[in-house]
Every structure is written in structure tokens, then in C-alpha cells.
Amino acid sequence: MSAYIKNIKDFICFHQGCIIEFEFGIASLHKELRKEWNGAKRGDILGKKLIELYDKSNEKLQDILKKTFDEHIKAIYGENIRFSVKTIEKNEYENIYITDYYREDMHEIPKGLKRARDHTPFANILFDNEDKYVSNDLEKDYKNAQYRNPRVHGNKIKDLQENIIKWKDCWIKHSEHTELKYYNSLLVMPLTLKNNNFMENFNKKFKTDAIWGFFCLDSEEKNAFADEALQDIGRIMADMLSIYFIFLYEHTEGSETFEQSLTHLVPK
């Protein structure tokens, strides 16, 4: 761990400033929305303030995540690492889906919903209460029927075991217009506060037992996360990034003003 101390220090110092700036910015946008809601409730102005709050706060967070990847994650995990943040969505039947909130190649890969139960890392964390998911040899896990992924063919285990095909041949491209990307190592950490003890009214307000999303790192190399220190650093990074999603929730979905404004503009 000592070899990574400077990188961790730089990461924490960077986010100390970013968190303060992010909360100030999103609170200011929310204040403007609340002024209009408590005032004339002009539809065009209210809609503009609502969109500004949602879009600008998400754009700012996307920019922070990009800088985190470029300046801090690569410094610790190497240039060949890939980073993404996933969030959780539910449909009207309360089925849980996973979608990309941030990834390096967002403009290339169609954003879609994938059932959490169909993807081992998210299923293990959400439904089996695992505190993380780590694999340093996904090919081996797949051969042993211990890894599922919507992008991996479920019927090629036998061919892979008999060396008829290679591991990368089991993967499905994101779309016909993108190059094939696969990985051998995977680290997934939940973005959550549930490992902390808070007073009761705080727990009710912020759903502190909830999982807001997932911090994900992957690599084509095997044993990319064999060093347990790298897993611990992933936990530190995930815990730090979860703070942004708490603030985002507080001023959007968790805000009475936001929800009332949205319902006023788009009646259910």
C-alpha cells in the first residue's frame, strides 16, 4: 500500500475541492428552482430551471469522473485499465437494471439497460449482499459456470474448454459499429453508505442502506487486481465518489421541490 500513498493523497486532495465545488453548484441551481416554484411557477421558466439543475449537475459530475480516470486511476492501475460507473434503474415492475453513467467511450457505445440478475458482479452485490466483486481470471470463472454477462455467449463453455475458440471469441460487441472489447480481470465496488452508522433521521432522508451505483475497473490482463492493496484503493475511490451521488440525489429525486416541479410540468 505504501507505494500508492502519494497517488491516494492526490486523489483525496482533488476530490476534497471537487466535492465542495459540486455541492455549492448544485445547491445554487436548486435554490433557483425553489425560487420559481415558491413564486410564479411560470411553466417555461420552471422547466428551464429544472433542466438546468439536472443537466448541469450531471455534466459537472461526468467531467469530474473523466478527470478522475485520466489523472488518478491510470496513475495507480496503469494505462491499460478501463473505468466505468454504473447506476441502477427500475421499471414499473420493480425489476432492477444496470446502465452506464460514465465510461471513457460513452459516445461510441449505445447506452442501454441490462438486467442486474444477468450479470454476476451486480447480482452478487445486490442480491447476495457481497461487499464487492473481484475476479482475476474471468475465463476460468466462465469455464466453471461462475460468471455471467449479457455480453458473453452462454453456450460456448464447451468450445472454450476444448480450446476450439479463445476467450475473446465468447464476447459480443456492444454494437456492429464498435470494436470488440473484452476483459480478463474485473473489480466492482458498490457506491453506498451502508457500511456507516448514522442517526435515524439521516438514514430516512438519504436511504443510507441503498446502493447508488457501481465503481467498475476492468483489464484484458489476468491478475490485474491480485494485489489486495489495489482492491482496497478501489474501495476508497468508490466511497469518495458515492458522496457526489448522495448530493445529486438530495437535490433531484430526493428533493420535494424537484419532484413537485416535475409533476407540475409533466402530470402523471
Foldseek 3Di string as FASTA:
>chain_A
DVVCVVLLVVLVVVLVVLLVVLLVVLVVLLVLLVVCLVPDLPLVSNVVSLCCSQVVSLVSLQVVVVCCVVPRVCVPLNPQKWKWWWFWDADPVRFIWIWTSYTPPPVQFDIDTDGQCQFQQSCCCPPVVDQKDKFLFVLVCLLVVNGGDPQFDNPCSVCVVVVVDDPQVRGHDSDPRDDRDDFGIKIKGFQAQLVDDDDDVVCVLQVRNDTGIIIMMTGNHGPSCVPVVSNVSSHVVSPSSSSSVSSSCVSAVSDPSNVVSVCVNPPD
